PDB file of all heavy atoms in Angstrom:
ATOM      1  N   ARG A   1      -8.504  -2.592   4.413  1.00  0.00           N
ATOM      2  CA  ARG A   1      -8.813  -1.165   4.485  1.00  0.00           C
ATOM      3  C   ARG A   1      -8.803  -0.704   5.932  1.00  0.00           C
ATOM      4  O   ARG A   1      -8.854  -1.507   6.866  1.00  0.00           O
ATOM      5  CB  ARG A   1     -10.186  -0.893   3.891  1.00  0.00           C
ATOM      6  CG  ARG A   1     -11.273  -1.464   4.792  1.00  0.00           C
ATOM      7  CD  ARG A   1     -12.629  -0.897   4.565  1.00  0.00           C
ATOM      8  NE  ARG A   1     -13.513  -1.457   5.581  1.00  0.00           N
ATOM      9  CZ  ARG A   1     -14.777  -1.648   5.419  1.00  0.00           C
ATOM     10  NH1 ARG A   1     -15.355  -1.350   4.294  1.00  0.00           N
ATOM     11  NH2 ARG A   1     -15.511  -2.139   6.389  1.00  0.00           N
ATOM     12  N   ARG A   2      -8.750   0.588   6.066  1.00  0.00           N
ATOM     13  CA  ARG A   2      -8.992   1.223   7.352  1.00  0.00           C
ATOM     14  C   ARG A   2      -9.622   2.572   7.046  1.00  0.00           C
ATOM     15  O   ARG A   2      -9.501   3.109   5.950  1.00  0.00           O
ATOM     16  CB  ARG A   2      -7.726   1.364   8.188  1.00  0.00           C
ATOM     17  CG  ARG A   2      -6.778   2.412   7.702  1.00  0.00           C
ATOM     18  CD  ARG A   2      -5.604   2.560   8.654  1.00  0.00           C
ATOM     19  NE  ARG A   2      -4.755   3.650   8.181  1.00  0.00           N
ATOM     20  CZ  ARG A   2      -3.688   4.078   8.783  1.00  0.00           C
ATOM     21  NH1 ARG A   2      -3.299   3.510   9.911  1.00  0.00           N
ATOM     22  NH2 ARG A   2      -2.978   5.067   8.294  1.00  0.00           N
ATOM     23  N   ARG A   3     -10.331   3.078   8.019  1.00  0.00           N
ATOM     24  CA  ARG A   3     -10.956   4.398   7.876  1.00  0.00           C
ATOM     25  C   ARG A   3     -10.225   5.370   8.791  1.00  0.00           C
ATOM     26  O   ARG A   3      -9.903   5.042   9.924  1.00  0.00           O
ATOM     27  CB  ARG A   3     -12.430   4.330   8.256  1.00  0.00           C
ATOM     28  CG  ARG A   3     -13.252   3.485   7.326  1.00  0.00           C
ATOM     29  CD  ARG A   3     -14.715   3.481   7.779  1.00  0.00           C
ATOM     30  NE  ARG A   3     -15.461   2.467   7.100  1.00  0.00           N
ATOM     31  CZ  ARG A   3     -16.132   2.655   5.972  1.00  0.00           C
ATOM     32  NH1 ARG A   3     -16.127   3.826   5.403  1.00  0.00           N
ATOM     33  NH2 ARG A   3     -16.790   1.667   5.418  1.00  0.00           N
ATOM     34  N   THR A   4      -9.978   6.550   8.256  1.00  0.00           N
ATOM     35  CA  THR A   4      -9.351   7.611   9.030  1.00  0.00           C
ATOM     36  C   THR A   4     -10.182   8.872   8.844  1.00  0.00           C
ATOM     37  O   THR A   4     -11.146   8.877   8.074  1.00  0.00           O
ATOM     38  CB  THR A   4      -7.905   7.877   8.552  1.00  0.00           C
ATOM     39  OG1 THR A   4      -7.960   8.405   7.226  1.00  0.00           O
ATOM     40  CG2 THR A   4      -7.059   6.619   8.590  1.00  0.00           C
ATOM     41  N   ASP A   5      -9.784   9.938   9.496  1.00  0.00           N
ATOM     42  CA  ASP A   5     -10.484  11.207   9.314  1.00  0.00           C
ATOM     43  C   ASP A   5     -10.410  11.662   7.856  1.00  0.00           C
ATOM     44  O   ASP A   5     -11.279  12.372   7.377  1.00  0.00           O
ATOM     45  CB  ASP A   5      -9.899  12.285  10.226  1.00  0.00           C
ATOM     46  CG  ASP A   5     -10.176  11.995  11.701  1.00  0.00           C
ATOM     47  OD1 ASP A   5     -11.107  11.213  11.993  1.00  0.00           O
ATOM     48  OD2 ASP A   5      -9.451  12.536  12.546  1.00  0.00           O
ATOM     49  N   GLY A   6      -9.363  11.214   7.138  1.00  0.00           N
ATOM     50  CA  GLY A   6      -9.196  11.585   5.743  1.00  0.00           C
ATOM     51  C   GLY A   6      -9.977  10.709   4.777  1.00  0.00           C
ATOM     52  O   GLY A   6      -9.976  10.957   3.579  1.00  0.00           O
ATOM     53  N   GLY A   7     -10.617   9.654   5.256  1.00  0.00           N
ATOM     54  CA  GLY A   7     -11.390   8.765   4.392  1.00  0.00           C
ATOM     55  C   GLY A   7     -10.905   7.333   4.468  1.00  0.00           C
ATOM     56  O   GLY A   7     -10.257   6.926   5.424  1.00  0.00           O
ATOM     57  N   ARG A   8     -11.197   6.576   3.415  1.00  0.00           N
ATOM     58  CA  ARG A   8     -10.825   5.160   3.374  1.00  0.00           C
ATOM     59  C   ARG A   8      -9.422   4.995   2.806  1.00  0.00           C
ATOM     60  O   ARG A   8      -9.029   5.706   1.891  1.00  0.00           O
ATOM     61  CB  ARG A   8     -11.813   4.367   2.532  1.00  0.00           C
ATOM     62  CG  ARG A   8     -13.200   4.333   3.135  1.00  0.00           C
ATOM     63  CD  ARG A   8     -14.160   3.544   2.287  1.00  0.00           C
ATOM     64  NE  ARG A   8     -14.163   4.086   0.935  1.00  0.00           N
ATOM     65  CZ  ARG A   8     -14.588   3.422  -0.132  1.00  0.00           C
ATOM     66  NH1 ARG A   8     -15.058   2.212  -0.018  1.00  0.00           N
ATOM     67  NH2 ARG A   8     -14.560   3.981  -1.325  1.00  0.00           N
ATOM     68  N   GLU A   9      -8.694   4.020   3.349  1.00  0.00           N
ATOM     69  CA  GLU A   9      -7.336   3.736   2.909  1.00  0.00           C
ATOM     70  C   GLU A   9      -7.175   2.240   2.671  1.00  0.00           C
ATOM     71  O   GLU A   9      -7.859   1.432   3.275  1.00  0.00           O
ATOM     72  CB  GLU A   9      -6.319   4.185   3.959  1.00  0.00           C
ATOM     73  CG  GLU A   9      -6.340   5.674   4.225  1.00  0.00           C
ATOM     74  CD  GLU A   9      -5.367   6.067   5.314  1.00  0.00           C
ATOM     75  OE1 GLU A   9      -5.203   5.295   6.285  1.00  0.00           O
ATOM     76  OE2 GLU A   9      -4.782   7.146   5.194  1.00  0.00           O
ATOM     77  N   LEU A  10      -6.224   1.899   1.796  1.00  0.00           N
ATOM     78  CA  LEU A  10      -5.935   0.515   1.449  1.00  0.00           C
ATOM     79  C   LEU A  10      -4.505   0.192   1.854  1.00  0.00           C
ATOM     80  O   LEU A  10      -3.593   0.995   1.622  1.00  0.00           O
ATOM     81  CB  LEU A  10      -6.094   0.315  -0.061  1.00  0.00           C
ATOM     82  CG  LEU A  10      -5.839  -1.090  -0.598  1.00  0.00           C
ATOM     83  CD1 LEU A  10      -6.962  -2.032  -0.171  1.00  0.00           C
ATOM     84  CD2 LEU A  10      -5.703  -1.055  -2.114  1.00  0.00           C
ATOM     85  N   LEU A  11      -4.296  -0.999   2.431  1.00  0.00           N
ATOM     86  CA  LEU A  11      -2.955  -1.461   2.769  1.00  0.00           C
ATOM     87  C   LEU A  11      -2.284  -2.008   1.514  1.00  0.00           C
ATOM     88  O   LEU A  11      -2.832  -2.885   0.849  1.00  0.00           O
ATOM     89  CB  LEU A  11      -3.009  -2.556   3.834  1.00  0.00           C
ATOM     90  CG  LEU A  11      -1.676  -3.230   4.150  1.00  0.00           C
ATOM     91  CD1 LEU A  11      -0.697  -2.240   4.763  1.00  0.00           C
ATOM     92  CD2 LEU A  11      -1.886  -4.415   5.064  1.00  0.00           C
ATOM     93  N   VAL A  12      -1.117  -1.479   1.192  1.00  0.00           N
ATOM     94  CA  VAL A  12      -0.317  -1.962   0.066  1.00  0.00           C
ATOM     95  C   VAL A  12       1.108  -2.174   0.552  1.00  0.00           C
ATOM     96  O   VAL A  12       1.489  -1.720   1.631  1.00  0.00           O
ATOM     97  CB  VAL A  12      -0.328  -0.983  -1.132  1.00  0.00           C
ATOM     98  CG1 VAL A  12      -1.742  -0.792  -1.664  1.00  0.00           C
ATOM     99  CG2 VAL A  12       0.295   0.358  -0.759  1.00  0.00           C
ATOM    100  N   PHE A  13       1.908  -2.881  -0.263  1.00  0.00           N
ATOM    101  CA  PHE A  13       3.321  -3.012   0.060  1.00  0.00           C
ATOM    102  C   PHE A  13       4.138  -3.113  -1.210  1.00  0.00           C
ATOM    103  O   PHE A  13       3.632  -3.430  -2.280  1.00  0.00           O
ATOM    104  CB  PHE A  13       3.596  -4.207   0.989  1.00  0.00           C
ATOM    105  CG  PHE A  13       3.385  -5.557   0.364  1.00  0.00           C
ATOM    106  CD1 PHE A  13       4.361  -6.143  -0.426  1.00  0.00           C
ATOM    107  CD2 PHE A  13       2.211  -6.252   0.583  1.00  0.00           C
ATOM    108  CE1 PHE A  13       4.169  -7.392  -0.993  1.00  0.00           C
ATOM    109  CE2 PHE A  13       2.012  -7.497   0.022  1.00  0.00           C
ATOM    110  CZ  PHE A  13       2.999  -8.067  -0.768  1.00  0.00           C
ATOM    111  N   ASP A  14       5.425  -2.805  -1.058  1.00  0.00           N
ATOM    112  CA  ASP A  14       6.409  -2.944  -2.122  1.00  0.00           C
ATOM    113  C   ASP A  14       7.495  -3.889  -1.634  1.00  0.00           C
ATOM    114  O   ASP A  14       7.857  -3.865  -0.448  1.00  0.00           O
ATOM    115  CB  ASP A  14       7.039  -1.588  -2.472  1.00  0.00           C
ATOM    116  CG  ASP A  14       6.006  -0.626  -3.041  1.00  0.00           C
ATOM    117  OD1 ASP A  14       5.483  -0.912  -4.126  1.00  0.00           O
ATOM    118  OD2 ASP A  14       5.722   0.401  -2.393  1.00  0.00           O
ATOM    119  N   HIS A  15       8.021  -4.720  -2.535  1.00  0.00           N
ATOM    120  CA  HIS A  15       9.148  -5.588  -2.210  1.00  0.00           C
ATOM    121  C   HIS A  15      10.388  -4.707  -2.133  1.00  0.00           C
ATOM    122  O   HIS A  15      10.779  -4.105  -3.130  1.00  0.00           O
ATOM    123  CB  HIS A  15       9.363  -6.646  -3.302  1.00  0.00           C
ATOM    124  CG  HIS A  15       8.319  -7.692  -3.343  1.00  0.00           C
ATOM    125  ND1 HIS A  15       8.487  -8.916  -2.752  1.00  0.00           N
ATOM    126  CD2 HIS A  15       7.100  -7.713  -3.912  1.00  0.00           C
ATOM    127  CE1 HIS A  15       7.415  -9.652  -2.960  1.00  0.00           C
ATOM    128  NE2 HIS A  15       6.549  -8.941  -3.661  1.00  0.00           N
ATOM    129  N   LEU A  16      10.980  -4.602  -0.962  1.00  0.00           N
ATOM    130  CA  LEU A  16      12.209  -3.823  -0.823  1.00  0.00           C
ATOM    131  C   LEU A  16      13.326  -4.596  -1.510  1.00  0.00           C
ATOM    132  O   LEU A  16      13.498  -5.780  -1.281  1.00  0.00           O
ATOM    133  CB  LEU A  16      12.522  -3.575   0.649  1.00  0.00           C
ATOM    134  CG  LEU A  16      11.428  -2.834   1.424  1.00  0.00           C
ATOM    135  CD1 LEU A  16      11.803  -2.695   2.892  1.00  0.00           C
ATOM    136  CD2 LEU A  16      11.154  -1.472   0.806  1.00  0.00           C
ATOM    137  N   GLY A  17      14.033  -3.947  -2.393  1.00  0.00           N
ATOM    138  CA  GLY A  17      15.086  -4.623  -3.140  1.00  0.00           C
ATOM    139  C   GLY A  17      14.614  -5.232  -4.451  1.00  0.00           C
ATOM    140  O   GLY A  17      15.407  -5.786  -5.200  1.00  0.00           O
ATOM    141  N   ALA A  18      13.308  -5.157  -4.745  1.00  0.00           N
ATOM    142  CA  ALA A  18      12.762  -5.688  -6.003  1.00  0.00           C
ATOM    143  C   ALA A  18      11.702  -4.728  -6.532  1.00  0.00           C
ATOM    144  O   ALA A  18      10.518  -5.061  -6.584  1.00  0.00           O
ATOM    145  CB  ALA A  18      12.187  -7.081  -5.789  1.00  0.00           C
ATOM    146  N   PRO A  19      12.098  -3.517  -6.934  1.00  0.00           N
ATOM    147  CA  PRO A  19      11.113  -2.513  -7.352  1.00  0.00           C
ATOM    148  C   PRO A  19      10.292  -2.935  -8.559  1.00  0.00           C
ATOM    149  O   PRO A  19       9.179  -2.455  -8.754  1.00  0.00           O
ATOM    150  CB  PRO A  19      11.961  -1.273  -7.658  1.00  0.00           C
ATOM    151  CG  PRO A  19      13.355  -1.767  -7.848  1.00  0.00           C
ATOM    152  CD  PRO A  19      13.482  -3.023  -7.038  1.00  0.00           C
ATOM    153  N   GLY A  20      10.793  -3.850  -9.382  1.00  0.00           N
ATOM    154  CA  GLY A  20      10.047  -4.308 -10.547  1.00  0.00           C
ATOM    155  C   GLY A  20       8.817  -5.130 -10.199  1.00  0.00           C
ATOM    156  O   GLY A  20       7.966  -5.370 -11.059  1.00  0.00           O
ATOM    157  N   ALA A  21       8.704  -5.572  -8.957  1.00  0.00           N
ATOM    158  CA  ALA A  21       7.552  -6.383  -8.546  1.00  0.00           C
ATOM    159  C   ALA A  21       6.275  -5.561  -8.479  1.00  0.00           C
ATOM    160  O   ALA A  21       5.179  -6.116  -8.512  1.00  0.00           O
ATOM    161  CB  ALA A  21       7.823  -7.048  -7.195  1.00  0.00           C
ATOM    162  N   GLY A  22       6.396  -4.250  -8.361  1.00  0.00           N
ATOM    163  CA  GLY A  22       5.230  -3.385  -8.305  1.00  0.00           C
ATOM    164  C   GLY A  22       4.572  -3.364  -6.943  1.00  0.00           C
ATOM    165  O   GLY A  22       4.855  -4.185  -6.073  1.00  0.00           O
ATOM    166  N   THR A  23       3.695  -2.410  -6.773  1.00  0.00           N
ATOM    167  CA  THR A  23       2.942  -2.267  -5.527  1.00  0.00           C
ATOM    168  C   THR A  23       1.825  -3.299  -5.513  1.00  0.00           C
ATOM    169  O   THR A  23       1.125  -3.491  -6.503  1.00  0.00           O
ATOM    170  CB  THR A  23       2.379  -0.844  -5.418  1.00  0.00           C
ATOM    171  OG1 THR A  23       3.474   0.084  -5.425  1.00  0.00           O
ATOM    172  CG2 THR A  23       1.575  -0.661  -4.131  1.00  0.00           C
ATOM    173  N   GLN A  24       1.670  -3.967  -4.375  1.00  0.00           N
ATOM    174  CA  GLN A  24       0.735  -5.079  -4.245  1.00  0.00           C
ATOM    175  C   GLN A  24      -0.052  -5.004  -2.947  1.00  0.00           C
ATOM    176  O   GLN A  24       0.264  -4.217  -2.066  1.00  0.00           O
ATOM    177  CB  GLN A  24       1.504  -6.411  -4.251  1.00  0.00           C
ATOM    178  CG  GLN A  24       2.362  -6.625  -5.458  1.00  0.00           C
ATOM    179  CD  GLN A  24       3.176  -7.892  -5.344  1.00  0.00           C
ATOM    180  OE1 GLN A  24       2.686  -8.915  -4.875  1.00  0.00           O
ATOM    181  NE2 GLN A  24       4.429  -7.835  -5.765  1.00  0.00           N
TER     182      GLN A  24
END
């Protein structure tokens, strides 16, 4: 996580070239 002026955020990623893997 990180905190910004907009609130709390979570780090996620997507496999480029493998969209079926989903956001993780």
